[in-house]
Amino acid sequence: MADHILERPRAFDIKIDGNPFTFNDPIVTGAQILQKARVFPTDEHLLFQELNDGQLEEIRPDESVDLRNDDREQFITFKSDRSFRFVLDGRKFEWGLPIITGLQLKRLAGVDPNSYGVWLSQRVGDDRLIGNKEKVDLQGDGTERFFTGIDTTTEGAGAIVLPPEDREYLQTQDIAFEEVVEGTIRAVVVKGWSLPPARFDAGTADILILLPPAYPDCAPDMFYLTPWVRLAANQRYPNAADQPHAFAGKTWQRWSRHNNAWRPGIDGIWTMLRRIERALEAAA
């Protein structure tokens, strides 16, 4: 008699909330996955499947899931009685999950996920670039703020250096500007700023504002103009405005003006522009 070899049933490995589980059936329902994870009552929980592109797809309790995938399927469960708030590109959102991925943020913003990046605004240090598959925890203190922009890996114009509030202010005021990175230095250039009438030998100038690493918790210090300007009355440079500063391929006129009265959480690019306006009006 020929020997009969019994084929061992295949096991289908998954992860639920980071913990490994096994099913013998390749087709399971959302309710079965919740029961396997022992989250009760199951009707008070939501189940999401993590897709390869970073998206989270909700699985209904009666919905079937095919586990016959080369990769280990990953699922996340959440209590269904909470919502979380965040701000994206200046708009407020209510979100039913305590986490959100970079791809979901881009889709909510309505931007192309391949050409745009999304950043988490941070009060201290550089804003954090969020990858498509990266998850952000929305359960911390305060409201998380995100902003999107063209993602660039090269230096120069097109970089993202301003907090969302600063960018929104400049845009709503119709102020032309450019964000620039050169090495480790971040800056914003305000384009074609109108100078006080008849005070200088030029009517407009570009203004360079260098941003300290801890901005906006720390104040920008000096500012810089191009073209260089002289006082119209006597054709000399204004006081403490006669030194050059090289940046982004240009030689700027440095205006040595200092500020010791910066209020973190209150002041921003609008404060710096008012300071520059006063400095230009008082130039002698």
Protein backbone atom coordinates (compact mmCIF):
# COMPACT_ATOMS: atom_id res chain seq x y z
CA MET A 1 0.00 0.00 0.00
CA ALA A 2 1.40 3.35 -0.90
CA ASP A 3 2.19 5.65 1.96
CA HIS A 4 -0.08 8.64 2.22
CA ILE A 5 1.49 11.87 3.43
CA LEU A 6 -0.98 14.15 5.09
CA GLU A 7 -0.50 17.73 3.96
CA ARG A 8 -0.14 20.07 6.88
CA PRO A 9 -2.69 22.90 6.84
CA ARG A 10 -1.15 26.22 5.94
CA ALA A 11 -1.04 28.88 8.63
CA PHE A 12 -1.70 32.51 7.78
CA ASP A 13 0.24 34.92 9.97
CA ILE A 14 -1.00 38.42 10.67
CA LYS A 15 -0.25 41.21 13.11
CA ILE A 16 -2.90 43.04 15.08
CA ASP A 17 -1.75 46.18 16.92
CA GLY A 18 1.81 44.92 16.48
CA ASN A 19 1.14 41.49 18.03
CA PRO A 20 1.42 38.24 15.98
CA PHE A 21 -1.62 35.98 15.43
CA THR A 22 -2.32 33.00 13.21
CA PHE A 23 -5.40 31.89 11.24
CA ASN A 24 -5.83 28.52 9.52
CA ASP A 25 -8.53 29.88 7.22
CA PRO A 26 -7.28 32.19 4.44
CA ILE A 27 -10.56 34.12 4.38
CA VAL A 28 -11.62 35.80 7.63
CA THR A 29 -14.04 38.56 8.56
CA GLY A 30 -13.36 41.79 10.37
CA ALA A 31 -15.31 40.46 13.37
CA GLN A 32 -13.10 37.35 13.51
CA ILE A 33 -9.96 39.49 13.51
CA LEU A 34 -11.31 41.62 16.37
CA GLN A 35 -12.22 38.48 18.30
CA LYS A 36 -8.75 37.02 17.71
CA ALA A 37 -7.24 40.21 19.15
CA ARG A 38 -9.61 39.90 22.12
CA VAL A 39 -10.83 43.49 21.92
CA PHE A 40 -14.28 43.51 23.48
CA PRO A 41 -16.96 44.50 22.95
CA THR A 42 -16.10 44.17 19.28
CA ASP A 43 -18.94 46.45 18.17
CA GLU A 44 -17.24 49.35 19.98
CA HIS A 45 -14.00 48.98 18.04
CA LEU A 46 -12.88 49.87 14.53
CA LEU A 47 -10.56 47.68 12.48
CA PHE A 48 -8.15 49.01 9.84
CA GLN A 49 -5.82 47.19 7.50
CA GLU A 50 -2.43 48.75 6.74
CA LEU A 51 -1.89 48.81 2.97
CA ASN A 52 1.53 48.74 1.33
CA ASP A 53 1.30 52.38 0.20
CA GLY A 54 0.74 53.68 3.76
CA GLN A 55 -3.02 53.99 3.54
CA LEU A 56 -5.28 52.64 6.29
CA GLU A 57 -8.40 50.91 4.98
CA GLU A 58 -11.34 50.31 7.31
CA ILE A 59 -12.61 46.71 7.48
CA ARG A 60 -16.27 46.30 8.44
CA PRO A 61 -17.17 43.50 10.90
CA ASP A 62 -18.95 41.54 8.14
CA GLU A 63 -16.32 42.26 5.48
CA SER A 64 -14.05 39.41 4.31
CA VAL A 65 -10.27 39.73 4.11
CA ASP A 66 -8.03 37.44 2.04
CA LEU A 67 -4.88 36.56 4.00
CA ARG A 68 -3.13 34.78 1.10
CA ASN A 69 -0.47 37.43 0.68
CA ASP A 70 3.30 36.98 0.63
CA ASP A 71 3.65 39.67 3.25
CA ARG A 72 2.31 39.45 6.78
CA GLU A 73 -1.00 41.29 6.88
CA GLN A 74 -1.12 44.09 9.43
CA PHE A 75 -4.19 45.42 11.23
CA ILE A 76 -4.86 48.14 13.78
CA THR A 77 -7.80 48.44 16.16
CA PHE A 78 -9.24 51.58 17.75
CA LYS A 79 -12.04 52.48 20.11
CA SER A 80 -14.79 54.07 18.02
CA ASP A 81 -15.99 56.71 20.50
CA ARG A 82 -13.22 59.34 20.09
CA SER A 83 -12.18 61.93 17.55
CA PHE A 84 -8.94 63.86 17.15
CA ARG A 85 -8.32 67.35 15.82
CA PHE A 86 -5.45 68.65 13.72
CA VAL A 87 -4.75 71.54 11.33
CA LEU A 88 -3.59 70.90 7.76
CA ASP A 89 -2.59 73.81 5.52
CA GLY A 90 -4.55 76.13 7.81
CA ARG A 91 -7.75 74.02 7.74
CA LYS A 92 -9.14 72.24 10.80
CA PHE A 93 -9.93 68.54 10.55
CA GLU A 94 -11.73 66.04 12.80
CA TRP A 95 -10.22 62.56 12.54
CA GLY A 96 -11.68 59.38 13.96
CA LEU A 97 -8.33 57.69 14.63
CA PRO A 98 -5.47 58.49 17.03
CA ILE A 99 -2.93 58.11 14.21
CA ILE A 100 -2.68 59.35 10.64
CA THR A 101 -0.18 58.58 7.89
CA GLY A 102 1.66 60.94 5.59
CA LEU A 103 -0.25 59.59 2.60
CA GLN A 104 -3.60 60.23 4.27
CA LEU A 105 -2.57 63.80 5.08
CA LYS A 106 -1.64 64.41 1.44
CA ARG A 107 -4.95 63.00 0.25
CA LEU A 108 -6.86 65.18 2.70
CA ALA A 109 -4.89 68.18 1.42
CA GLY A 110 -5.74 67.26 -2.18
CA VAL A 111 -2.12 67.26 -3.40
CA ASP A 112 -0.13 64.85 -5.58
CA PRO A 113 1.49 62.35 -3.14
CA ASN A 114 4.47 61.87 -5.47
CA SER A 115 5.52 65.50 -5.88
CA TYR A 116 4.37 67.02 -2.57
CA GLY A 117 5.73 66.53 0.92
CA VAL A 118 3.92 66.98 4.21
CA TRP A 119 5.58 68.40 7.32
CA LEU A 120 4.68 68.39 11.00
CA SER A 121 5.17 71.89 12.41
CA GLN A 122 7.41 71.93 15.49
CA ARG A 123 8.02 74.83 17.83
CA VAL A 124 11.63 73.82 18.52
CA GLY A 125 13.96 72.63 15.78
CA ASP A 126 13.22 71.90 12.14
CA ASP A 127 9.75 70.92 10.99
CA ARG A 128 9.49 67.14 10.56
CA LEU A 129 9.02 65.64 7.11
CA ILE A 130 6.42 62.83 7.29
CA GLY A 131 6.87 59.84 4.97
CA ASN A 132 3.90 58.35 3.13
CA LYS A 133 3.89 55.25 5.35
CA GLU A 134 4.91 57.05 8.53
CA LYS A 135 2.30 57.26 11.28
CA VAL A 136 1.81 60.37 13.42
CA ASP A 137 0.26 60.04 16.88
CA LEU A 138 -2.51 62.62 17.34
CA GLN A 139 -3.02 61.87 21.04
CA GLY A 140 -0.46 64.33 22.43
CA ASP A 141 -1.14 67.63 24.15
CA GLY A 142 -2.31 70.45 21.91
CA THR A 143 -3.33 70.37 18.25
CA GLU A 144 -0.87 69.03 15.70
CA ARG A 145 -0.27 71.32 12.73
CA PHE A 146 0.74 70.04 9.30
CA PHE A 147 1.51 71.76 6.01
CA THR A 148 2.20 70.54 2.50
CA GLY A 149 4.52 71.83 -0.18
CA ILE A 150 6.50 70.77 -3.22
CA ASP A 151 9.02 68.22 -1.97
CA THR A 152 12.56 69.12 -2.98
CA THR A 153 15.85 67.47 -2.13
CA THR A 154 17.96 70.22 -3.66
CA GLU A 155 19.09 73.44 -2.11
CA GLY A 156 17.77 76.80 -3.14
CA ALA A 157 14.34 78.20 -3.81
CA GLY A 158 11.36 75.90 -3.32
CA ALA A 159 12.44 74.66 0.10
CA ILE A 160 10.04 74.62 3.04
CA VAL A 161 11.37 76.72 5.92
CA LEU A 162 8.47 78.81 7.27
CA PRO A 163 5.89 77.67 9.83
CA PRO A 164 2.39 77.33 8.31
CA GLU A 165 1.15 80.45 10.14
CA ASP A 166 3.90 82.58 8.57
CA ARG A 167 3.26 81.24 5.11
CA GLU A 168 -0.49 81.74 5.45
CA TYR A 169 0.05 85.35 6.60
CA LEU A 170 2.30 86.20 3.64
CA GLN A 171 -0.10 84.58 1.18
CA THR A 172 -3.22 86.27 2.56
CA GLN A 173 -1.43 89.64 2.49
CA ASP A 174 -0.39 89.06 -1.15
CA ILE A 175 3.27 89.44 -0.19
CA ALA A 176 5.56 87.77 -2.74
CA PHE A 177 8.18 85.61 -1.06
CA GLU A 178 10.62 82.80 -1.62
CA GLU A 179 11.86 80.20 0.87
CA VAL A 180 15.55 79.36 0.48
CA VAL A 181 18.02 76.90 2.00
CA GLU A 182 21.77 77.30 1.58
CA GLY A 183 23.80 74.70 3.46
CA THR A 184 22.45 74.72 7.01
CA ILE A 185 21.01 78.24 6.70
CA ARG A 186 17.27 78.74 6.21
CA ALA A 187 15.88 82.03 4.97
CA VAL A 188 12.94 83.80 3.43
CA VAL A 189 13.27 86.47 0.74
CA VAL A 190 10.43 89.01 0.52
CA LYS A 191 10.25 90.11 -3.10
CA GLY A 192 9.78 93.68 -4.36
CA TRP A 193 9.08 95.31 -0.98
CA SER A 194 8.00 98.96 -1.32
CA LEU A 195 10.41 101.34 0.41
CA PRO A 196 9.30 104.61 2.10
CA PRO A 197 8.60 107.20 -0.63
CA ALA A 198 11.47 109.57 -1.53
CA ARG A 199 13.69 108.33 1.33
CA PHE A 200 16.06 106.15 -0.69
CA ASP A 201 17.49 106.07 -4.19
CA ALA A 202 15.34 103.04 -5.01
CA GLY A 203 11.60 102.48 -4.72
CA THR A 204 11.61 98.74 -4.02
CA ALA A 205 14.02 96.10 -2.83
CA ASP A 206 14.13 92.42 -1.99
CA ILE A 207 14.51 91.72 1.74
CA LEU A 208 16.45 88.73 3.06
CA ILE A 209 15.51 87.44 6.52
CA LEU A 210 17.74 84.70 7.96
CA LEU A 211 15.87 82.34 10.28
CA PRO A 212 17.64 81.02 13.40
CA PRO A 213 17.49 77.23 13.97
CA ALA A 214 14.93 77.60 16.79
CA TYR A 215 12.64 79.96 14.84
CA PRO A 216 9.83 80.86 15.58
CA ASP A 217 10.75 80.51 19.27
CA CYS A 218 13.78 82.74 18.63
CA ALA A 219 13.80 86.06 16.81
CA PRO A 220 15.48 86.75 13.47
CA ASP A 221 18.18 89.35 14.04
CA MET A 222 19.32 91.57 11.19
CA PHE A 223 17.87 91.95 7.71
CA TYR A 224 19.45 92.46 4.28
CA LEU A 225 18.51 94.30 1.08
CA THR A 226 19.23 93.99 -2.60
CA PRO A 227 19.78 96.24 -4.43
CA TRP A 228 21.83 98.26 -1.97
CA VAL A 229 20.15 101.56 -1.19
CA ARG A 230 21.40 105.00 -0.20
CA LEU A 231 19.60 107.88 1.47
CA ALA A 232 18.15 110.12 -1.25
CA ALA A 233 18.98 113.31 0.69
CA ASN A 234 22.75 112.87 0.80
CA GLN A 235 23.53 109.72 -1.21
CA ARG A 236 25.21 107.92 1.68
CA TYR A 237 24.43 104.58 3.21
CA PRO A 238 22.18 104.65 6.27
CA ASN A 239 23.80 104.16 9.66
CA ALA A 240 24.88 100.54 10.30
CA ALA A 241 23.83 99.54 6.79
CA ASP A 242 27.09 99.58 4.86
CA GLN A 243 28.41 96.02 5.19
CA PRO A 244 28.05 93.20 2.63
CA HIS A 245 26.63 89.75 3.27
CA ALA A 246 26.91 86.93 0.74
CA PHE A 247 23.95 84.58 0.42
CA ALA A 248 22.40 82.54 -2.40
CA GLY A 249 24.81 83.91 -5.00
CA LYS A 250 24.16 87.57 -4.19
CA THR A 251 25.85 90.24 -2.11
CA TRP A 252 23.27 91.79 0.20
CA GLN A 253 23.32 95.08 2.09
CA ARG A 254 23.34 94.21 5.79
CA TRP A 255 21.14 96.30 8.06
CA SER A 256 22.46 95.79 11.57
CA ARG A 257 19.29 96.03 13.63
CA HIS A 258 18.78 93.87 16.71
CA ASN A 259 15.75 92.69 18.64
CA ASN A 260 15.53 91.60 22.30
CA ALA A 261 11.73 91.67 22.70
CA TRP A 262 10.55 88.51 20.92
CA ARG A 263 7.52 86.61 22.29
CA PRO A 264 7.55 82.88 21.47
CA GLY A 265 4.14 81.66 20.41
CA ILE A 266 2.95 85.18 19.60
CA ASP A 267 5.45 86.82 17.27
CA GLY A 268 6.15 85.63 13.74
CA ILE A 269 7.09 86.87 10.28
CA TRP A 270 4.51 89.67 10.65
CA THR A 271 6.47 90.99 13.65
CA MET A 272 9.73 90.96 11.72
CA LEU A 273 8.18 92.82 8.79
CA ARG A 274 6.85 95.53 11.10
CA ARG A 275 10.33 95.90 12.62
CA ILE A 276 11.82 96.22 9.14
CA GLU A 277 9.23 98.82 8.16
CA ARG A 278 10.07 100.94 11.22
CA ALA A 279 13.82 100.56 10.62
CA LEU A 280 13.46 101.75 7.03
CA GLU A 281 11.25 104.69 8.00
CA ALA A 282 13.68 105.78 10.72
CA ALA A 283 16.84 105.30 8.65
CA ALA A 284 19.27 108.21 8.87
